[in-house]
Amino acid sequence: MFSRCGMGGTAVVLAFAVTATAGQAQIRTFNIPPQAAVSAIPEFARQGQVQIIAPARDLKNARTPEIKGEMDVHAALRKLLADIPLHIASDDGQIITLRSGGTPNE
């Protein structure tokens, strides 16, 4: 795993090996307790076997709900982000980029 955090408009970069392609269902088993988003998102990426890039400034005080059970990675991520002001800006099946504001998680 790689984690990079610096000054200003930085992003958290999480890297994990992935073999799925875009548009292909990625069913995984998740066991993530409610916690600070700054720790939940890296754990989600690990368990979901995806890479997630997120703006670190938006994770400072955010908390995530419990994500538990077998489900599609994208459905689980939308649930994880439900109460956080981030949305999925891009997703190629391997790398998911989150952005502030804008379109809600659909």
PDB file of N, CA and C in Angstrom:
ATOM      1  N   MET A   1       0.848  -1.180   0.000  1.00  0.00           N
ATOM      2  CA  MET A   1       0.000   0.000   0.000  1.00  0.00           C
ATOM      3  C   MET A   1       0.883   1.228   0.000  1.00  0.00           C
ATOM      4  N   PHE A   2       0.467   2.216  -0.764  1.00  0.00           N
ATOM      5  CA  PHE A   2       1.155   3.485  -0.788  1.00  0.00           C
ATOM      6  C   PHE A   2       0.210   4.520  -0.226  1.00  0.00           C
ATOM      7  N   SER A   3       0.696   5.362   0.652  1.00  0.00           N
ATOM      8  CA  SER A   3      -0.111   6.440   1.188  1.00  0.00           C
ATOM      9  C   SER A   3       0.722   7.700   1.101  1.00  0.00           C
ATOM     10  N   ARG A   4       0.165   8.739   0.499  1.00  0.00           N
ATOM     11  CA  ARG A   4       0.909   9.963   0.314  1.00  0.00           C
ATOM     12  C   ARG A   4       0.039  11.110   0.787  1.00  0.00           C
ATOM     13  N   CYS A   5       0.575  11.929   1.646  1.00  0.00           N
ATOM     14  CA  CYS A   5      -0.187  13.064   2.162  1.00  0.00           C
ATOM     15  C   CYS A   5       0.782  14.223   2.335  1.00  0.00           C
ATOM     16  N   GLY A   6       0.498  15.366   1.799  1.00  0.00           N
ATOM     17  CA  GLY A   6       1.393  16.503   1.917  1.00  0.00           C
ATOM     18  C   GLY A   6       0.622  17.757   2.273  1.00  0.00           C
ATOM     19  N   MET A   7       1.113  18.900   1.835  1.00  0.00           N
ATOM     20  CA  MET A   7       0.519  20.187   2.163  1.00  0.00           C
ATOM     21  C   MET A   7      -0.511  20.596   1.109  1.00  0.00           C
ATOM     22  N   GLY A   8      -1.393  21.514   1.476  1.00  0.00           N
ATOM     23  CA  GLY A   8      -2.337  22.099   0.528  1.00  0.00           C
ATOM     24  C   GLY A   8      -3.377  21.133   0.000  1.00  0.00           C
ATOM     25  N   GLY A   9      -3.642  21.193  -1.297  1.00  0.00           N
ATOM     26  CA  GLY A   9      -4.662  20.369  -1.947  1.00  0.00           C
ATOM     27  C   GLY A   9      -4.150  18.972  -2.252  1.00  0.00           C
ATOM     28  N   THR A  10      -3.736  18.272  -1.239  1.00  0.00           N
ATOM     29  CA  THR A  10      -3.150  16.948  -1.432  1.00  0.00           C
ATOM     30  C   THR A  10      -4.210  15.869  -1.554  1.00  0.00           C
ATOM     31  N   ALA A  11      -3.792  14.711  -1.941  1.00  0.00           N
ATOM     32  CA  ALA A  11      -4.692  13.568  -2.071  1.00  0.00           C
ATOM     33  C   ALA A  11      -4.079  12.378  -1.366  1.00  0.00           C
ATOM     34  N   VAL A  12      -4.932  11.514  -0.895  1.00  0.00           N
ATOM     35  CA  VAL A  12      -4.498  10.262  -0.325  1.00  0.00           C
ATOM     36  C   VAL A  12      -4.521   9.259  -1.468  1.00  0.00           C
ATOM     37  N   VAL A  13      -3.426   8.566  -1.696  1.00  0.00           N
ATOM     38  CA  VAL A  13      -3.353   7.595  -2.772  1.00  0.00           C
ATOM     39  C   VAL A  13      -3.165   6.218  -2.160  1.00  0.00           C
ATOM     40  N   LEU A  14      -4.054   5.314  -2.500  1.00  0.00           N
ATOM     41  CA  LEU A  14      -4.012   3.965  -1.976  1.00  0.00           C
ATOM     42  C   LEU A  14      -3.894   3.009  -3.150  1.00  0.00           C
ATOM     43  N   ALA A  15      -2.917   2.134  -3.120  1.00  0.00           N
ATOM     44  CA  ALA A  15      -2.698   1.255  -4.261  1.00  0.00           C
ATOM     45  C   ALA A  15      -2.777  -0.210  -3.853  1.00  0.00           C
ATOM     46  N   PHE A  16      -3.554  -0.959  -4.600  1.00  0.00           N
ATOM     47  CA  PHE A  16      -3.703  -2.391  -4.399  1.00  0.00           C
ATOM     48  C   PHE A  16      -3.835  -3.052  -5.757  1.00  0.00           C
ATOM     49  N   ALA A  17      -3.349  -4.279  -5.887  1.00  0.00           N
ATOM     50  CA  ALA A  17      -3.449  -5.008  -7.151  1.00  0.00           C
ATOM     51  C   ALA A  17      -4.908  -5.357  -7.441  1.00  0.00           C
ATOM     52  N   VAL A  18      -5.292  -5.210  -8.705  1.00  0.00           N
ATOM     53  CA  VAL A  18      -6.661  -5.484  -9.130  1.00  0.00           C
ATOM     54  C   VAL A  18      -6.626  -6.215 -10.461  1.00  0.00           C
ATOM     55  N   THR A  19      -7.517  -7.183 -10.628  1.00  0.00           N
ATOM     56  CA  THR A  19      -7.584  -7.891 -11.898  1.00  0.00           C
ATOM     57  C   THR A  19      -8.904  -7.662 -12.625  1.00  0.00           C
ATOM     58  N   ALA A  20      -9.881  -7.054 -11.989  1.00  0.00           N
ATOM     59  CA  ALA A  20     -11.182  -6.822 -12.624  1.00  0.00           C
ATOM     60  C   ALA A  20     -11.080  -5.700 -13.652  1.00  0.00           C
ATOM     61  N   THR A  21     -11.996  -5.710 -14.609  1.00  0.00           N
ATOM     62  CA  THR A  21     -12.047  -4.653 -15.614  1.00  0.00           C
ATOM     63  C   THR A  21     -13.261  -3.775 -15.373  1.00  0.00           C
ATOM     64  N   ALA A  22     -13.262  -2.596 -15.972  1.00  0.00           N
ATOM     65  CA  ALA A  22     -14.378  -1.661 -15.806  1.00  0.00           C
ATOM     66  C   ALA A  22     -15.673  -2.313 -16.260  1.00  0.00           C
ATOM     67  N   GLY A  23     -16.741  -2.068 -15.518  1.00  0.00           N
ATOM     68  CA  GLY A  23     -18.044  -2.601 -15.856  1.00  0.00           C
ATOM     69  C   GLY A  23     -18.287  -4.009 -15.338  1.00  0.00           C
ATOM     70  N   GLN A  24     -17.268  -4.656 -14.832  1.00  0.00           N
ATOM     71  CA  GLN A  24     -17.402  -6.015 -14.322  1.00  0.00           C
ATOM     72  C   GLN A  24     -17.718  -5.953 -12.830  1.00  0.00           C
ATOM     73  N   ALA A  25     -18.724  -6.711 -12.398  1.00  0.00           N
ATOM     74  CA  ALA A  25     -19.087  -6.733 -10.976  1.00  0.00           C
ATOM     75  C   ALA A  25     -17.910  -7.254 -10.168  1.00  0.00           C
ATOM     76  N   GLN A  26     -17.625  -6.571  -9.087  1.00  0.00           N
ATOM     77  CA  GLN A  26     -16.534  -6.958  -8.205  1.00  0.00           C
ATOM     78  C   GLN A  26     -17.133  -7.250  -6.827  1.00  0.00           C
ATOM     79  N   ILE A  27     -17.538  -8.479  -6.600  1.00  0.00           N
ATOM     80  CA  ILE A  27     -18.137  -8.864  -5.331  1.00  0.00           C
ATOM     81  C   ILE A  27     -17.020  -9.190  -4.344  1.00  0.00           C
ATOM     82  N   ARG A  28     -17.065  -8.538  -3.190  1.00  0.00           N
ATOM     83  CA  ARG A  28     -16.054  -8.742  -2.149  1.00  0.00           C
ATOM     84  C   ARG A  28     -16.764  -8.874  -0.805  1.00  0.00           C
ATOM     85  N   THR A  29     -16.052  -9.406   0.160  1.00  0.00           N
ATOM     86  CA  THR A  29     -16.557  -9.485   1.525  1.00  0.00           C
ATOM     87  C   THR A  29     -15.908  -8.369   2.333  1.00  0.00           C
ATOM     88  N   PHE A  30     -16.756  -7.527   2.939  1.00  0.00           N
ATOM     89  CA  PHE A  30     -16.278  -6.382   3.712  1.00  0.00           C
ATOM     90  C   PHE A  30     -16.583  -6.571   5.196  1.00  0.00           C
ATOM     91  N   ASN A  31     -15.677  -6.091   6.021  1.00  0.00           N
ATOM     92  CA  ASN A  31     -15.864  -6.061   7.466  1.00  0.00           C
ATOM     93  C   ASN A  31     -15.175  -4.799   7.978  1.00  0.00           C
ATOM     94  N   ILE A  32     -15.855  -3.676   7.805  1.00  0.00           N
ATOM     95  CA  ILE A  32     -15.307  -2.376   8.181  1.00  0.00           C
ATOM     96  C   ILE A  32     -16.222  -1.753   9.224  1.00  0.00           C
ATOM     97  N   PRO A  33     -15.738  -1.588  10.458  1.00  0.00           N
ATOM     98  CA  PRO A  33     -16.573  -0.969  11.491  1.00  0.00           C
ATOM     99  C   PRO A  33     -16.718   0.532  11.252  1.00  0.00           C
ATOM    100  N   PRO A  34     -17.712   1.167  11.895  1.00  0.00           N
ATOM    101  CA  PRO A  34     -17.830   2.627  11.797  1.00  0.00           C
ATOM    102  C   PRO A  34     -16.533   3.249  12.324  1.00  0.00           C
ATOM    103  N   GLN A  35     -16.010   4.234  11.616  1.00  0.00           N
ATOM    104  CA  GLN A  35     -14.738   4.837  12.028  1.00  0.00           C
ATOM    105  C   GLN A  35     -14.467   6.100  11.235  1.00  0.00           C
ATOM    106  N   ALA A  36     -13.352   6.740  11.517  1.00  0.00           N
ATOM    107  CA  ALA A  36     -12.930   7.929  10.784  1.00  0.00           C
ATOM    108  C   ALA A  36     -12.677   7.553   9.329  1.00  0.00           C
ATOM    109  N   ALA A  37     -13.120   8.404   8.410  1.00  0.00           N
ATOM    110  CA  ALA A  37     -12.968   8.139   6.974  1.00  0.00           C
ATOM    111  C   ALA A  37     -11.505   7.984   6.580  1.00  0.00           C
ATOM    112  N   VAL A  38     -10.631   8.719   7.242  1.00  0.00           N
ATOM    113  CA  VAL A  38      -9.207   8.659   6.906  1.00  0.00           C
ATOM    114  C   VAL A  38      -8.629   7.252   7.119  1.00  0.00           C
ATOM    115  N   SER A  39      -9.218   6.470   7.984  1.00  0.00           N
ATOM    116  CA  SER A  39      -8.776   5.079   8.164  1.00  0.00           C
ATOM    117  C   SER A  39      -9.709   4.089   7.466  1.00  0.00           C
ATOM    118  N   ALA A  40     -10.982   4.434   7.325  1.00  0.00           N
ATOM    119  CA  ALA A  40     -11.946   3.528   6.681  1.00  0.00           C
ATOM    120  C   ALA A  40     -11.690   3.379   5.185  1.00  0.00           C
ATOM    121  N   ILE A  41     -11.343   4.461   4.505  1.00  0.00           N
ATOM    122  CA  ILE A  41     -11.147   4.395   3.055  1.00  0.00           C
ATOM    123  C   ILE A  41      -9.946   3.514   2.683  1.00  0.00           C
ATOM    124  N   PRO A  42      -8.807   3.638   3.355  1.00  0.00           N
ATOM    125  CA  PRO A  42      -7.709   2.712   3.039  1.00  0.00           C
ATOM    126  C   PRO A  42      -8.074   1.250   3.322  1.00  0.00           C
ATOM    127  N   GLU A  43      -8.799   1.021   4.400  1.00  0.00           N
ATOM    128  CA  GLU A  43      -9.209  -0.347   4.722  1.00  0.00           C
ATOM    129  C   GLU A  43     -10.208  -0.860   3.690  1.00  0.00           C
ATOM    130  N   PHE A  44     -11.099  -0.007   3.256  1.00  0.00           N
ATOM    131  CA  PHE A  44     -12.051  -0.382   2.201  1.00  0.00           C
ATOM    132  C   PHE A  44     -11.291  -0.760   0.932  1.00  0.00           C
ATOM    133  N   ALA A  45     -10.313   0.037   0.550  1.00  0.00           N
ATOM    134  CA  ALA A  45      -9.519  -0.247  -0.650  1.00  0.00           C
ATOM    135  C   ALA A  45      -8.816  -1.595  -0.529  1.00  0.00           C
ATOM    136  N   ARG A  46      -8.271  -1.879   0.638  1.00  0.00           N
ATOM    137  CA  ARG A  46      -7.592  -3.156   0.859  1.00  0.00           C
ATOM    138  C   ARG A  46      -8.566  -4.315   0.710  1.00  0.00           C
ATOM    139  N   GLN A  47      -9.690  -4.229   1.403  1.00  0.00           N
ATOM    140  CA  GLN A  47     -10.666  -5.311   1.361  1.00  0.00           C
ATOM    141  C   GLN A  47     -11.344  -5.419  -0.005  1.00  0.00           C
ATOM    142  N   GLY A  48     -11.531  -4.295  -0.691  1.00  0.00           N
ATOM    143  CA  GLY A  48     -12.184  -4.293  -1.989  1.00  0.00           C
ATOM    144  C   GLY A  48     -11.237  -4.568  -3.145  1.00  0.00           C
ATOM    145  N   GLN A  49      -9.938  -4.619  -2.843  1.00  0.00           N
ATOM    146  CA  GLN A  49      -8.909  -4.871  -3.851  1.00  0.00           C
ATOM    147  C   GLN A  49      -8.968  -3.864  -4.991  1.00  0.00           C
ATOM    148  N   VAL A  50      -9.065  -2.583  -4.616  1.00  0.00           N
ATOM    149  CA  VAL A  50      -9.080  -1.486  -5.580  1.00  0.00           C
ATOM    150  C   VAL A  50      -8.117  -0.405  -5.120  1.00  0.00           C
ATOM    151  N   GLN A  51      -7.845   0.540  -6.001  1.00  0.00           N
ATOM    152  CA  GLN A  51      -7.076   1.729  -5.653  1.00  0.00           C
ATOM    153  C   GLN A  51      -8.060   2.876  -5.495  1.00  0.00           C
ATOM    154  N   ILE A  52      -7.858   3.679  -4.464  1.00  0.00           N
ATOM    155  CA  ILE A  52      -8.731   4.836  -4.246  1.00  0.00           C
ATOM    156  C   ILE A  52      -7.871   6.068  -4.053  1.00  0.00           C
ATOM    157  N   ILE A  53      -8.217   7.126  -4.789  1.00  0.00           N
ATOM    158  CA  ILE A  53      -7.553   8.422  -4.641  1.00  0.00           C
ATOM    159  C   ILE A  53      -8.609   9.379  -4.110  1.00  0.00           C
ATOM    160  N   ALA A  54      -8.315  10.015  -2.972  1.00  0.00           N
ATOM    161  CA  ALA A  54      -9.286  10.909  -2.333  1.00  0.00           C
ATOM    162  C   ALA A  54      -8.584  12.154  -1.812  1.00  0.00           C
ATOM    163  N   PRO A  55      -9.263  13.316  -1.855  1.00  0.00           N
ATOM    164  CA  PRO A  55      -8.668  14.541  -1.305  1.00  0.00           C
ATOM    165  C   PRO A  55      -8.603  14.454   0.226  1.00  0.00           C
ATOM    166  N   ALA A  56      -7.409  14.478   0.767  1.00  0.00           N
ATOM    167  CA  ALA A  56      -7.186  14.305   2.201  1.00  0.00           C
ATOM    168  C   ALA A  56      -7.905  15.369   3.034  1.00  0.00           C
ATOM    169  N   ARG A  57      -7.992  16.590   2.521  1.00  0.00           N
ATOM    170  CA  ARG A  57      -8.613  17.674   3.298  1.00  0.00           C
ATOM    171  C   ARG A  57     -10.077  17.388   3.625  1.00  0.00           C
ATOM    172  N   ASP A  58     -10.753  16.603   2.778  1.00  0.00           N
ATOM    173  CA  ASP A  58     -12.165  16.304   2.996  1.00  0.00           C
ATOM    174  C   ASP A  58     -12.399  15.121   3.933  1.00  0.00           C
ATOM    175  N   LEU A  59     -11.325  14.489   4.374  1.00  0.00           N
ATOM    176  CA  LEU A  59     -11.458  13.321   5.242  1.00  0.00           C
ATOM    177  C   LEU A  59     -11.198  13.648   6.704  1.00  0.00           C
ATOM    178  N   LYS A  60     -10.736  14.846   6.979  1.00  0.00           N
ATOM    179  CA  LYS A  60     -10.274  15.220   8.318  1.00  0.00           C
ATOM    180  C   LYS A  60     -11.243  14.844   9.442  1.00  0.00           C
ATOM    181  N   ASN A  61     -12.471  15.278   9.398  1.00  0.00           N
ATOM    182  CA  ASN A  61     -13.428  15.013  10.484  1.00  0.00           C
ATOM    183  C   ASN A  61     -14.558  14.079  10.076  1.00  0.00           C
ATOM    184  N   ALA A  62     -14.467  13.532   8.873  1.00  0.00           N
ATOM    185  CA  ALA A  62     -15.544  12.680   8.355  1.00  0.00           C
ATOM    186  C   ALA A  62     -15.515  11.291   8.999  1.00  0.00           C
ATOM    187  N   ARG A  63     -16.716  10.734   9.182  1.00  0.00           N
ATOM    188  CA  ARG A  63     -16.852   9.380   9.726  1.00  0.00           C
ATOM    189  C   ARG A  63     -17.672   8.547   8.758  1.00  0.00           C
ATOM    190  N   THR A  64     -17.417   7.263   8.774  1.00  0.00           N
ATOM    191  CA  THR A  64     -18.124   6.352   7.871  1.00  0.00           C
ATOM    192  C   THR A  64     -18.936   5.338   8.663  1.00  0.00           C
ATOM    193  N   PRO A  65     -19.989   4.808   8.039  1.00  0.00           N
ATOM    194  CA  PRO A  65     -20.799   3.781   8.696  1.00  0.00           C
ATOM    195  C   PRO A  65     -20.127   2.406   8.562  1.00  0.00           C
ATOM    196  N   GLU A  66     -20.688   1.444   9.241  1.00  0.00           N
ATOM    197  CA  GLU A  66     -20.221   0.062   9.117  1.00  0.00           C
ATOM    198  C   GLU A  66     -20.551  -0.463   7.717  1.00  0.00           C
ATOM    199  N   ILE A  67     -19.594  -1.164   7.132  1.00  0.00           N
ATOM    200  CA  ILE A  67     -19.800  -1.856   5.858  1.00  0.00           C
ATOM    201  C   ILE A  67     -19.450  -3.309   6.138  1.00  0.00           C
ATOM    202  N   LYS A  68     -20.461  -4.158   6.133  1.00  0.00           N
ATOM    203  CA  LYS A  68     -20.231  -5.547   6.507  1.00  0.00           C
ATOM    204  C   LYS A  68     -21.029  -6.470   5.603  1.00  0.00           C
ATOM    205  N   GLY A  69     -20.368  -7.517   5.148  1.00  0.00           N
ATOM    206  CA  GLY A  69     -21.031  -8.513   4.331  1.00  0.00           C
ATOM    207  C   GLY A  69     -20.477  -8.566   2.921  1.00  0.00           C
ATOM    208  N   GLU A  70     -21.059  -9.440   2.123  1.00  0.00           N
ATOM    209  CA  GLU A  70     -20.640  -9.619   0.743  1.00  0.00           C
ATOM    210  C   GLU A  70     -21.456  -8.704  -0.151  1.00  0.00           C
ATOM    211  N   MET A  71     -20.771  -7.863  -0.927  1.00  0.00           N
ATOM    212  CA  MET A  71     -21.465  -6.942  -1.827  1.00  0.00           C
ATOM    213  C   MET A  71     -20.532  -6.437  -2.908  1.00  0.00           C
ATOM    214  N   ASP A  72     -21.126  -5.851  -3.930  1.00  0.00           N
ATOM    215  CA  ASP A  72     -20.371  -5.240  -5.015  1.00  0.00           C
ATOM    216  C   ASP A  72     -19.547  -4.077  -4.468  1.00  0.00           C
ATOM    217  N   VAL A  73     -18.315  -3.952  -4.934  1.00  0.00           N
ATOM    218  CA  VAL A  73     -17.415  -2.895  -4.472  1.00  0.00           C
ATOM    219  C   VAL A  73     -18.038  -1.513  -4.646  1.00  0.00           C
ATOM    220  N   HIS A  74     -18.681  -1.272  -5.778  1.00  0.00           N
ATOM    221  CA  HIS A  74     -19.237   0.058  -6.048  1.00  0.00           C
ATOM    222  C   HIS A  74     -20.428   0.377  -5.148  1.00  0.00           C
ATOM    223  N   ALA A  75     -21.282  -0.606  -4.915  1.00  0.00           N
ATOM    224  CA  ALA A  75     -22.417  -0.402  -3.999  1.00  0.00           C
ATOM    225  C   ALA A  75     -21.904  -0.162  -2.581  1.00  0.00           C
ATOM    226  N   ALA A  76     -20.900  -0.923  -2.183  1.00  0.00           N
ATOM    227  CA  ALA A  76     -20.327  -0.757  -0.839  1.00  0.00           C
ATOM    228  C   ALA A  76     -19.670   0.612  -0.689  1.00  0.00           C
ATOM    229  N   LEU A  77     -18.973   1.072  -1.729  1.00  0.00           N
ATOM    230  CA  LEU A  77     -18.320   2.381  -1.664  1.00  0.00           C
ATOM    231  C   LEU A  77     -19.358   3.502  -1.574  1.00  0.00           C
ATOM    232  N   ARG A  78     -20.443   3.396  -2.338  1.00  0.00           N
ATOM    233  CA  ARG A  78     -21.503   4.415  -2.233  1.00  0.00           C
ATOM    234  C   ARG A  78     -22.070   4.461  -0.817  1.00  0.00           C
ATOM    235  N   LYS A  79     -22.239   3.298  -0.199  1.00  0.00           N
ATOM    236  CA  LYS A  79     -22.725   3.233   1.180  1.00  0.00           C
ATOM    237  C   LYS A  79     -21.708   3.863   2.142  1.00  0.00           C
ATOM    238  N   LEU A  80     -20.433   3.568   1.929  1.00  0.00           N
ATOM    239  CA  LEU A  80     -19.371   4.113   2.773  1.00  0.00           C
ATOM    240  C   LEU A  80     -19.336   5.638   2.701  1.00  0.00           C
ATOM    241  N   LEU A  81     -19.582   6.193   1.515  1.00  0.00           N
ATOM    242  CA  LEU A  81     -19.488   7.640   1.292  1.00  0.00           C
ATOM    243  C   LEU A  81     -20.798   8.394   1.507  1.00  0.00           C
ATOM    244  N   ALA A  82     -21.850   7.711   1.910  1.00  0.00           N
ATOM    245  CA  ALA A  82     -23.184   8.310   1.996  1.00  0.00           C
ATOM    246  C   ALA A  82     -23.229   9.626   2.780  1.00  0.00           C
ATOM    247  N   ASP A  83     -22.479   9.743   3.860  1.00  0.00           N
ATOM    248  CA  ASP A  83     -22.537  10.947   4.700  1.00  0.00           C
ATOM    249  C   ASP A  83     -21.278  11.800   4.612  1.00  0.00           C
ATOM    250  N   ILE A  84     -20.499  11.599   3.557  1.00  0.00           N
ATOM    251  CA  ILE A  84     -19.257  12.345   3.364  1.00  0.00           C
ATOM    252  C   ILE A  84     -19.415  13.195   2.106  1.00  0.00           C
ATOM    253  N   PRO A  85     -18.920  14.447   2.106  1.00  0.00           N
ATOM    254  CA  PRO A  85     -19.085  15.304   0.926  1.00  0.00           C
ATOM    255  C   PRO A  85     -18.115  14.956  -0.211  1.00  0.00           C
ATOM    256  N   LEU A  86     -18.048  13.666  -0.549  1.00  0.00           N
ATOM    257  CA  LEU A  86     -17.223  13.201  -1.661  1.00  0.00           C
ATOM    258  C   LEU A  86     -18.100  12.409  -2.615  1.00  0.00           C
ATOM    259  N   HIS A  87     -17.728  12.393  -3.888  1.00  0.00           N
ATOM    260  CA  HIS A  87     -18.435  11.572  -4.866  1.00  0.00           C
ATOM    261  C   HIS A  87     -17.407  10.868  -5.752  1.00  0.00           C
ATOM    262  N   ILE A  88     -17.845   9.845  -6.421  1.00  0.00           N
ATOM    263  CA  ILE A  88     -16.980   9.111  -7.326  1.00  0.00           C
ATOM    264  C   ILE A  88     -16.867   9.924  -8.613  1.00  0.00           C
ATOM    265  N   ALA A  89     -15.682  10.437  -8.876  1.00  0.00           N
ATOM    266  CA  ALA A  89     -15.460  11.259 -10.070  1.00  0.00           C
ATOM    267  C   ALA A  89     -15.073  10.404 -11.261  1.00  0.00           C
ATOM    268  N   SER A  90     -14.324   9.342 -11.009  1.00  0.00           N
ATOM    269  CA  SER A  90     -13.964   8.427 -12.090  1.00  0.00           C
ATOM    270  C   SER A  90     -13.703   7.044 -11.510  1.00  0.00           C
ATOM    271  N   ASP A  91     -13.906   6.040 -12.361  1.00  0.00           N
ATOM    272  CA  ASP A  91     -13.737   4.655 -11.942  1.00  0.00           C
ATOM    273  C   ASP A  91     -13.506   3.816 -13.188  1.00  0.00           C
ATOM    274  N   ASP A  92     -12.300   3.288 -13.326  1.00  0.00           N
ATOM    275  CA  ASP A  92     -12.000   2.456 -14.492  1.00  0.00           C
ATOM    276  C   ASP A  92     -11.994   0.969 -14.151  1.00  0.00           C
ATOM    277  N   GLY A  93     -12.524   0.637 -12.981  1.00  0.00           N
ATOM    278  CA  GLY A  93     -12.553  -0.750 -12.554  1.00  0.00           C
ATOM    279  C   GLY A  93     -11.342  -1.132 -11.723  1.00  0.00           C
ATOM    280  N   GLN A  94     -10.314  -0.308 -11.756  1.00  0.00           N
ATOM    281  CA  GLN A  94      -9.110  -0.554 -10.971  1.00  0.00           C
ATOM    282  C   GLN A  94      -8.780   0.619 -10.065  1.00  0.00           C
ATOM    283  N   ILE A  95      -8.944   1.821 -10.597  1.00  0.00           N
ATOM    284  CA  ILE A  95      -8.642   3.041  -9.847  1.00  0.00           C
ATOM    285  C   ILE A  95      -9.918   3.858  -9.722  1.00  0.00           C
ATOM    286  N   ILE A  96     -10.257   4.205  -8.480  1.00  0.00           N
ATOM    287  CA  ILE A  96     -11.445   5.019  -8.205  1.00  0.00           C
ATOM    288  C   ILE A  96     -10.947   6.361  -7.672  1.00  0.00           C
ATOM    289  N   THR A  97     -11.376   7.441  -8.313  1.00  0.00           N
ATOM    290  CA  THR A  97     -11.010   8.780  -7.873  1.00  0.00           C
ATOM    291  C   THR A  97     -12.219   9.451  -7.238  1.00  0.00           C
ATOM    292  N   LEU A  98     -12.038   9.952  -6.031  1.00  0.00           N
ATOM    293  CA  LEU A  98     -13.098  10.664  -5.312  1.00  0.00           C
ATOM    294  C   LEU A  98     -12.821  12.146  -5.375  1.00  0.00           C
ATOM    295  N   ARG A  99     -13.886  12.944  -5.465  1.00  0.00           N
ATOM    296  CA  ARG A  99     -13.769  14.397  -5.505  1.00  0.00           C
ATOM    297  C   ARG A  99     -14.740  15.035  -4.522  1.00  0.00           C
ATOM    298  N   SER A 100     -14.459  16.263  -4.156  1.00  0.00           N
ATOM    299  CA  SER A 100     -15.332  17.025  -3.265  1.00  0.00           C
ATOM    300  C   SER A 100     -16.547  17.558  -3.991  1.00  0.00           C
ATOM    301  N   GLY A 101     -17.661  17.697  -3.224  1.00  0.00           N
ATOM    302  CA  GLY A 101     -18.865  18.330  -3.746  1.00  0.00           C
ATOM    303  C   GLY A 101     -19.361  17.712  -5.035  1.00  0.00           C
ATOM    304  N   GLY A 102     -20.071  18.520  -5.820  1.00  0.00           N
ATOM    305  CA  GLY A 102     -20.542  18.065  -7.120  1.00  0.00           C
ATOM    306  C   GLY A 102     -21.638  17.039  -7.052  1.00  0.00           C
ATOM    307  N   THR A 103     -21.640  16.130  -8.023  1.00  0.00           N
ATOM    308  CA  THR A 103     -22.677  15.133  -8.156  1.00  0.00           C
ATOM    309  C   THR A 103     -22.643  14.130  -7.006  1.00  0.00           C
ATOM    310  N   PRO A 104     -23.802  13.847  -6.402  1.00  0.00           N
ATOM    311  CA  PRO A 104     -23.828  12.864  -5.323  1.00  0.00           C
ATOM    312  C   PRO A 104     -23.531  11.466  -5.852  1.00  0.00           C
ATOM    313  N   ASN A 105     -23.194  10.567  -4.948  1.00  0.00           N
ATOM    314  CA  ASN A 105     -22.901   9.173  -5.314  1.00  0.00           C
ATOM    315  C   ASN A 105     -24.152   8.501  -5.816  1.00  0.00           C
ATOM    316  N   GLU A 106     -24.116   8.056  -7.047  1.00  0.00           N
ATOM    317  CA  GLU A 106     -25.290   7.421  -7.655  1.00  0.00           C
ATOM    318  C   GLU A 106     -25.109   5.944  -7.745  1.00  0.00           C
TER     319      GLU A 106
END
